[in-house]
Amino acid sequence: MGQFQEAVSKRRTNYALGKDVKVAPEQIIAEIKQLTKEVPSAFNMQSARVVVAFGSDHDKIWQITKDALQKIVPEKNFAATEEKINSFAAAYGTILYFDETTTVEAMQKQYALYADNFPVWAQQANGMLQFAIWTALTGLGLGVNLQHYNPLIDDQVKSAFNVPASWKLIAQMPFGQPLQDPAPIEKMNVDERVKIFR
């Protein structure tokens, strides 16, 4: 197995995260910046945007999420929801992923023939970036998971982090000290998913 395949195989969802991280924030930031620069996008659109939050800024994301959920989750069910959100808050940091919609709209105007495709392509590029960063953080010895509380928290997050209105929130990625190994998952027979023609 090659190094890349091994890195991909080790990338897993880890919900048990803590704050005792041995990697310097500067190294985490450098990895994220480099991958944001290098991950491809259709027509070189570069519509993905990233916010990296540590410390009280990381905590703020999950307090916003908890407050928003408390308004819509029945009180009798909220304890389980709160426990889940607290597990994300227990992590070391959070990455917020956005699409810059003004960039997407400009590409739609410039290449009208493909206008309907650009929002899809932007999402695909954002997904590739999430995957690349997730894999890289795993390689640094961090545990990671991916959440989608958008659009419930969009307005409060944009306000809290002073991001432009044109940034559309796509996902939230808590990361931190892995406190336990991820649970095993079952994989389909790959021959049911891949067809080969020679």
C-alpha atoms as a PDB file:
ATOM      1  CA  MET A   1       0.000   0.000   0.000  1.00  0.00           C
ATOM      2  CA  GLY A   2       1.374   3.434  -0.965  1.00  0.00           C
ATOM      3  CA  GLN A   3       1.723   6.340   1.469  1.00  0.00           C
ATOM      4  CA  PHE A   4      -1.314   8.151   0.070  1.00  0.00           C
ATOM      5  CA  GLN A   5      -3.531   5.062   0.250  1.00  0.00           C
ATOM      6  CA  GLU A   6      -2.361   4.420   3.800  1.00  0.00           C
ATOM      7  CA  ALA A   7      -3.179   8.004   4.799  1.00  0.00           C
ATOM      8  CA  VAL A   8      -6.643   7.698   3.259  1.00  0.00           C
ATOM      9  CA  SER A   9      -7.247   4.386   5.054  1.00  0.00           C
ATOM     10  CA  LYS A  10      -6.339   5.931   8.416  1.00  0.00           C
ATOM     11  CA  ARG A  11      -8.712   8.890   7.931  1.00  0.00           C
ATOM     12  CA  ARG A  12     -11.733   8.022  10.051  1.00  0.00           C
ATOM     13  CA  THR A  13     -14.529   9.723  11.956  1.00  0.00           C
ATOM     14  CA  ASN A  14     -13.534  10.184  15.587  1.00  0.00           C
ATOM     15  CA  TYR A  15     -16.099  11.601  18.025  1.00  0.00           C
ATOM     16  CA  ALA A  16     -14.045  11.194  21.204  1.00  0.00           C
ATOM     17  CA  LEU A  17     -11.828  14.275  21.149  1.00  0.00           C
ATOM     18  CA  GLY A  18      -9.888  16.242  23.749  1.00  0.00           C
ATOM     19  CA  LYS A  19      -7.796  19.380  24.011  1.00  0.00           C
ATOM     20  CA  ASP A  20      -4.403  17.864  24.883  1.00  0.00           C
ATOM     21  CA  VAL A  21      -2.847  18.210  21.434  1.00  0.00           C
ATOM     22  CA  LYS A  22       0.895  17.818  20.861  1.00  0.00           C
ATOM     23  CA  VAL A  23       0.882  19.569  17.465  1.00  0.00           C
ATOM     24  CA  ALA A  24       1.614  23.303  17.403  1.00  0.00           C
ATOM     25  CA  PRO A  25      -1.258  25.463  16.108  1.00  0.00           C
ATOM     26  CA  GLU A  26       1.169  26.933  13.570  1.00  0.00           C
ATOM     27  CA  GLN A  27       1.695  23.497  12.019  1.00  0.00           C
ATOM     28  CA  ILE A  28      -2.043  22.869  11.805  1.00  0.00           C
ATOM     29  CA  ILE A  29      -2.572  26.295  10.223  1.00  0.00           C
ATOM     30  CA  ALA A  30       0.265  25.758   7.736  1.00  0.00           C
ATOM     31  CA  GLU A  31      -1.229  22.427   6.593  1.00  0.00           C
ATOM     32  CA  ILE A  32      -4.684  23.976   6.171  1.00  0.00           C
ATOM     33  CA  LYS A  33      -3.347  26.963   4.226  1.00  0.00           C
ATOM     34  CA  GLN A  34      -1.241  24.822   1.910  1.00  0.00           C
ATOM     35  CA  LEU A  35      -4.092  22.445   1.139  1.00  0.00           C
ATOM     36  CA  THR A  36      -6.551  25.305   0.614  1.00  0.00           C
ATOM     37  CA  LYS A  37      -4.109  26.683  -1.945  1.00  0.00           C
ATOM     38  CA  GLU A  38      -3.448  23.372  -3.727  1.00  0.00           C
ATOM     39  CA  VAL A  39      -6.761  21.463  -3.794  1.00  0.00           C
ATOM     40  CA  PRO A  40      -8.211  21.807  -7.313  1.00  0.00           C
ATOM     41  CA  SER A  41     -11.492  23.380  -8.369  1.00  0.00           C
ATOM     42  CA  ALA A  42     -13.374  23.480 -11.667  1.00  0.00           C
ATOM     43  CA  PHE A  43     -12.202  26.321 -13.908  1.00  0.00           C
ATOM     44  CA  ASN A  44      -9.747  27.160 -11.105  1.00  0.00           C
ATOM     45  CA  MET A  45     -12.722  28.812  -9.388  1.00  0.00           C
ATOM     46  CA  GLN A  46     -11.138  28.742  -5.899  1.00  0.00           C
ATOM     47  CA  SER A  47     -14.497  29.382  -4.222  1.00  0.00           C
ATOM     48  CA  ALA A  48     -13.773  27.511  -0.983  1.00  0.00           C
ATOM     49  CA  ARG A  49     -13.159  29.588   2.134  1.00  0.00           C
ATOM     50  CA  VAL A  50     -11.989  28.392   5.549  1.00  0.00           C
ATOM     51  CA  VAL A  51     -12.123  29.708   9.119  1.00  0.00           C
ATOM     52  CA  VAL A  52      -9.937  27.968  11.711  1.00  0.00           C
ATOM     53  CA  ALA A  53     -11.001  28.536  15.316  1.00  0.00           C
ATOM     54  CA  PHE A  54      -9.040  27.709  18.465  1.00  0.00           C
ATOM     55  CA  GLY A  55      -9.692  28.385  22.170  1.00  0.00           C
ATOM     56  CA  SER A  56     -12.664  30.594  23.002  1.00  0.00           C
ATOM     57  CA  ASP A  57     -13.444  31.060  19.290  1.00  0.00           C
ATOM     58  CA  HIS A  58     -13.790  27.286  18.921  1.00  0.00           C
ATOM     59  CA  ASP A  59     -16.022  27.236  22.019  1.00  0.00           C
ATOM     60  CA  LYS A  60     -18.152  30.018  20.528  1.00  0.00           C
ATOM     61  CA  ILE A  61     -19.106  27.866  17.512  1.00  0.00           C
ATOM     62  CA  TRP A  62     -20.511  25.118  19.690  1.00  0.00           C
ATOM     63  CA  GLN A  63     -22.272  27.522  22.069  1.00  0.00           C
ATOM     64  CA  ILE A  64     -23.990  29.077  19.038  1.00  0.00           C
ATOM     65  CA  THR A  65     -24.967  25.591  17.880  1.00  0.00           C
ATOM     66  CA  LYS A  66     -26.244  24.537  21.293  1.00  0.00           C
ATOM     67  CA  ASP A  67     -28.301  27.719  21.672  1.00  0.00           C
ATOM     68  CA  ALA A  68     -29.808  27.299  18.195  1.00  0.00           C
ATOM     69  CA  LEU A  69     -30.707  23.659  18.825  1.00  0.00           C
ATOM     70  CA  GLN A  70     -32.216  24.409  22.223  1.00  0.00           C
ATOM     71  CA  LYS A  71     -34.812  26.556  20.447  1.00  0.00           C
ATOM     72  CA  ILE A  72     -35.994  23.702  18.205  1.00  0.00           C
ATOM     73  CA  VAL A  73     -35.305  20.430  20.044  1.00  0.00           C
ATOM     74  CA  PRO A  74     -38.036  19.357  22.498  1.00  0.00           C
ATOM     75  CA  GLU A  75     -36.897  19.799  26.099  1.00  0.00           C
ATOM     76  CA  LYS A  76     -37.319  16.087  26.867  1.00  0.00           C
ATOM     77  CA  ASN A  77     -34.865  15.244  24.061  1.00  0.00           C
ATOM     78  CA  PHE A  78     -32.370  18.034  24.596  1.00  0.00           C
ATOM     79  CA  ALA A  79     -30.057  16.220  27.043  1.00  0.00           C
ATOM     80  CA  ALA A  80     -28.831  13.858  24.309  1.00  0.00           C
ATOM     81  CA  THR A  81     -28.404  16.758  21.893  1.00  0.00           C
ATOM     82  CA  GLU A  82     -26.485  18.768  24.471  1.00  0.00           C
ATOM     83  CA  GLU A  83     -24.187  15.814  25.178  1.00  0.00           C
ATOM     84  CA  LYS A  84     -23.397  15.519  21.479  1.00  0.00           C
ATOM     85  CA  ILE A  85     -22.632  19.235  21.100  1.00  0.00           C
ATOM     86  CA  ASN A  86     -20.501  19.151  24.264  1.00  0.00           C
ATOM     87  CA  SER A  87     -18.414  16.386  22.668  1.00  0.00           C
ATOM     88  CA  PHE A  88     -17.601  18.722  19.763  1.00  0.00           C
ATOM     89  CA  ALA A  89     -16.850  21.576  22.160  1.00  0.00           C
ATOM     90  CA  ALA A  90     -14.446  19.259  24.021  1.00  0.00           C
ATOM     91  CA  ALA A  91     -12.215  19.188  20.923  1.00  0.00           C
ATOM     92  CA  TYR A  92      -9.146  21.397  20.441  1.00  0.00           C
ATOM     93  CA  GLY A  93     -10.400  23.419  17.485  1.00  0.00           C
ATOM     94  CA  THR A  94     -12.923  23.651  14.672  1.00  0.00           C
ATOM     95  CA  ILE A  95     -12.600  24.342  10.960  1.00  0.00           C
ATOM     96  CA  LEU A  96     -15.534  26.056   9.270  1.00  0.00           C
ATOM     97  CA  TYR A  97     -15.902  25.483   5.520  1.00  0.00           C
ATOM     98  CA  PHE A  98     -17.648  27.997   3.279  1.00  0.00           C
ATOM     99  CA  ASP A  99     -18.342  28.592  -0.404  1.00  0.00           C
ATOM    100  CA  GLU A 100     -17.851  32.142  -1.695  1.00  0.00           C
ATOM    101  CA  THR A 101     -21.126  32.541  -3.614  1.00  0.00           C
ATOM    102  CA  THR A 102     -20.097  35.775  -5.359  1.00  0.00           C
ATOM    103  CA  THR A 103     -17.220  33.870  -6.963  1.00  0.00           C
ATOM    104  CA  VAL A 104     -19.603  31.118  -8.076  1.00  0.00           C
ATOM    105  CA  GLU A 105     -22.064  33.652  -9.483  1.00  0.00           C
ATOM    106  CA  ALA A 106     -19.308  35.447 -11.400  1.00  0.00           C
ATOM    107  CA  MET A 107     -18.305  32.148 -13.024  1.00  0.00           C
ATOM    108  CA  GLN A 108     -21.945  31.468 -13.915  1.00  0.00           C
ATOM    109  CA  LYS A 109     -22.115  34.798 -15.738  1.00  0.00           C
ATOM    110  CA  GLN A 110     -18.758  34.351 -17.441  1.00  0.00           C
ATOM    111  CA  TYR A 111     -19.542  30.817 -18.616  1.00  0.00           C
ATOM    112  CA  ALA A 112     -23.325  30.909 -19.061  1.00  0.00           C
ATOM    113  CA  LEU A 113     -23.393  27.576 -20.912  1.00  0.00           C
ATOM    114  CA  TYR A 114     -22.271  25.847 -17.677  1.00  0.00           C
ATOM    115  CA  ALA A 115     -24.139  28.102 -15.232  1.00  0.00           C
ATOM    116  CA  ASP A 116     -26.120  25.315 -13.565  1.00  0.00           C
ATOM    117  CA  ASN A 117     -22.957  23.315 -12.926  1.00  0.00           C
ATOM    118  CA  PHE A 118     -20.918  25.869 -11.012  1.00  0.00           C
ATOM    119  CA  PRO A 119     -22.715  25.519  -7.631  1.00  0.00           C
ATOM    120  CA  VAL A 120     -22.294  21.734  -7.925  1.00  0.00           C
ATOM    121  CA  TRP A 121     -18.629  22.080  -8.875  1.00  0.00           C
ATOM    122  CA  ALA A 122     -18.063  24.458  -5.955  1.00  0.00           C
ATOM    123  CA  GLN A 123     -19.511  21.870  -3.557  1.00  0.00           C
ATOM    124  CA  GLN A 124     -17.341  19.162  -5.096  1.00  0.00           C
ATOM    125  CA  ALA A 125     -14.217  21.289  -4.640  1.00  0.00           C
ATOM    126  CA  ASN A 126     -15.214  22.060  -1.055  1.00  0.00           C
ATOM    127  CA  GLY A 127     -15.665  18.338  -0.406  1.00  0.00           C
ATOM    128  CA  MET A 128     -12.210  17.626  -1.816  1.00  0.00           C
ATOM    129  CA  LEU A 129     -10.755  20.294   0.468  1.00  0.00           C
ATOM    130  CA  GLN A 130     -12.528  18.830   3.507  1.00  0.00           C
ATOM    131  CA  PHE A 131     -11.219  15.376   2.646  1.00  0.00           C
ATOM    132  CA  ALA A 132      -7.658  16.621   2.073  1.00  0.00           C
ATOM    133  CA  ILE A 133      -7.543  18.574   5.344  1.00  0.00           C
ATOM    134  CA  TRP A 134      -9.175  15.722   7.282  1.00  0.00           C
ATOM    135  CA  THR A 135      -6.584  13.285   5.947  1.00  0.00           C
ATOM    136  CA  ALA A 136      -3.732  15.686   6.709  1.00  0.00           C
ATOM    137  CA  LEU A 137      -4.920  16.305  10.284  1.00  0.00           C
ATOM    138  CA  THR A 138      -5.184  12.542  10.821  1.00  0.00           C
ATOM    139  CA  GLY A 139      -1.590  12.298   9.605  1.00  0.00           C
ATOM    140  CA  LEU A 140      -0.626  14.776  12.334  1.00  0.00           C
ATOM    141  CA  GLY A 141      -2.084  12.388  14.919  1.00  0.00           C
ATOM    142  CA  LEU A 142      -5.338  14.296  15.422  1.00  0.00           C
ATOM    143  CA  GLY A 143      -8.867  12.941  15.658  1.00  0.00           C
ATOM    144  CA  VAL A 144     -11.441  14.555  13.389  1.00  0.00           C
ATOM    145  CA  ASN A 145     -15.153  14.461  12.556  1.00  0.00           C
ATOM    146  CA  LEU A 146     -17.408  16.407  10.201  1.00  0.00           C
ATOM    147  CA  GLN A 147     -20.704  18.088  11.113  1.00  0.00           C
ATOM    148  CA  HIS A 148     -23.442  19.939   9.211  1.00  0.00           C
ATOM    149  CA  TYR A 149     -25.459  22.264  11.437  1.00  0.00           C
ATOM    150  CA  ASN A 150     -25.904  24.692   8.583  1.00  0.00           C
ATOM    151  CA  PRO A 151     -28.127  26.510   7.747  1.00  0.00           C
ATOM    152  CA  LEU A 152     -29.362  26.557  11.360  1.00  0.00           C
ATOM    153  CA  ILE A 153     -26.268  28.396  12.642  1.00  0.00           C
ATOM    154  CA  ASP A 154     -25.262  30.330   9.505  1.00  0.00           C
ATOM    155  CA  ASP A 155     -26.242  33.864  10.471  1.00  0.00           C
ATOM    156  CA  GLN A 156     -24.835  33.694  14.003  1.00  0.00           C
ATOM    157  CA  VAL A 157     -21.556  32.157  12.803  1.00  0.00           C
ATOM    158  CA  LYS A 158     -21.131  34.785  10.070  1.00  0.00           C
ATOM    159  CA  SER A 159     -21.728  37.522  12.621  1.00  0.00           C
ATOM    160  CA  ALA A 160     -19.428  35.983  15.248  1.00  0.00           C
ATOM    161  CA  PHE A 161     -16.539  35.576  12.800  1.00  0.00           C
ATOM    162  CA  ASN A 162     -17.184  38.695  10.719  1.00  0.00           C
ATOM    163  CA  VAL A 163     -17.317  36.811   7.417  1.00  0.00           C
ATOM    164  CA  PRO A 164     -18.991  38.298   4.335  1.00  0.00           C
ATOM    165  CA  ALA A 165     -22.678  37.632   3.714  1.00  0.00           C
ATOM    166  CA  SER A 166     -21.666  35.960   0.434  1.00  0.00           C
ATOM    167  CA  TRP A 167     -19.890  33.134   2.297  1.00  0.00           C
ATOM    168  CA  LYS A 168     -22.221  30.126   2.495  1.00  0.00           C
ATOM    169  CA  LEU A 169     -21.493  27.767   5.392  1.00  0.00           C
ATOM    170  CA  ILE A 170     -20.975  24.190   4.188  1.00  0.00           C
ATOM    171  CA  ALA A 171     -19.614  22.186   7.146  1.00  0.00           C
ATOM    172  CA  GLN A 172     -17.983  22.235  10.572  1.00  0.00           C
ATOM    173  CA  MET A 173     -14.954  20.071  11.387  1.00  0.00           C
ATOM    174  CA  PRO A 174     -13.980  19.641  15.066  1.00  0.00           C
ATOM    175  CA  PHE A 175     -10.487  18.250  15.624  1.00  0.00           C
ATOM    176  CA  GLY A 176      -8.398  17.396  18.639  1.00  0.00           C
ATOM    177  CA  GLN A 177      -6.703  14.765  20.741  1.00  0.00           C
ATOM    178  CA  PRO A 178      -8.085  11.319  19.826  1.00  0.00           C
ATOM    179  CA  LEU A 179      -9.311   9.821  23.106  1.00  0.00           C
ATOM    180  CA  GLN A 180     -10.230   6.432  21.644  1.00  0.00           C
ATOM    181  CA  ASP A 181     -10.008   4.568  18.368  1.00  0.00           C
ATOM    182  CA  PRO A 182     -12.933   5.050  15.983  1.00  0.00           C
ATOM    183  CA  ALA A 183     -15.429   2.206  15.929  1.00  0.00           C
ATOM    184  CA  PRO A 184     -14.955  -0.301  13.100  1.00  0.00           C
ATOM    185  CA  ILE A 185     -17.124   0.185  10.030  1.00  0.00           C
ATOM    186  CA  GLU A 186     -18.340  -2.281   7.455  1.00  0.00           C
ATOM    187  CA  LYS A 187     -17.241  -1.753   3.859  1.00  0.00           C
ATOM    188  CA  MET A 188     -19.113  -3.052   0.837  1.00  0.00           C
ATOM    189  CA  ASN A 189     -17.315  -5.393  -1.506  1.00  0.00           C
ATOM    190  CA  VAL A 190     -15.424  -2.952  -3.713  1.00  0.00           C
ATOM    191  CA  ASP A 191     -16.194  -5.046  -6.809  1.00  0.00           C
ATOM    192  CA  GLU A 192     -19.847  -4.051  -6.379  1.00  0.00           C
ATOM    193  CA  ARG A 193     -18.804  -0.387  -6.646  1.00  0.00           C
ATOM    194  CA  VAL A 194     -16.068  -0.437  -9.279  1.00  0.00           C
ATOM    195  CA  LYS A 195     -16.528  -1.776 -12.818  1.00  0.00           C
ATOM    196  CA  ILE A 196     -13.455  -2.430 -14.952  1.00  0.00           C
ATOM    197  CA  PHE A 197     -13.428  -2.552 -18.755  1.00  0.00           C
ATOM    198  CA  ARG A 198     -10.270  -3.644 -20.581  1.00  0.00           C
END
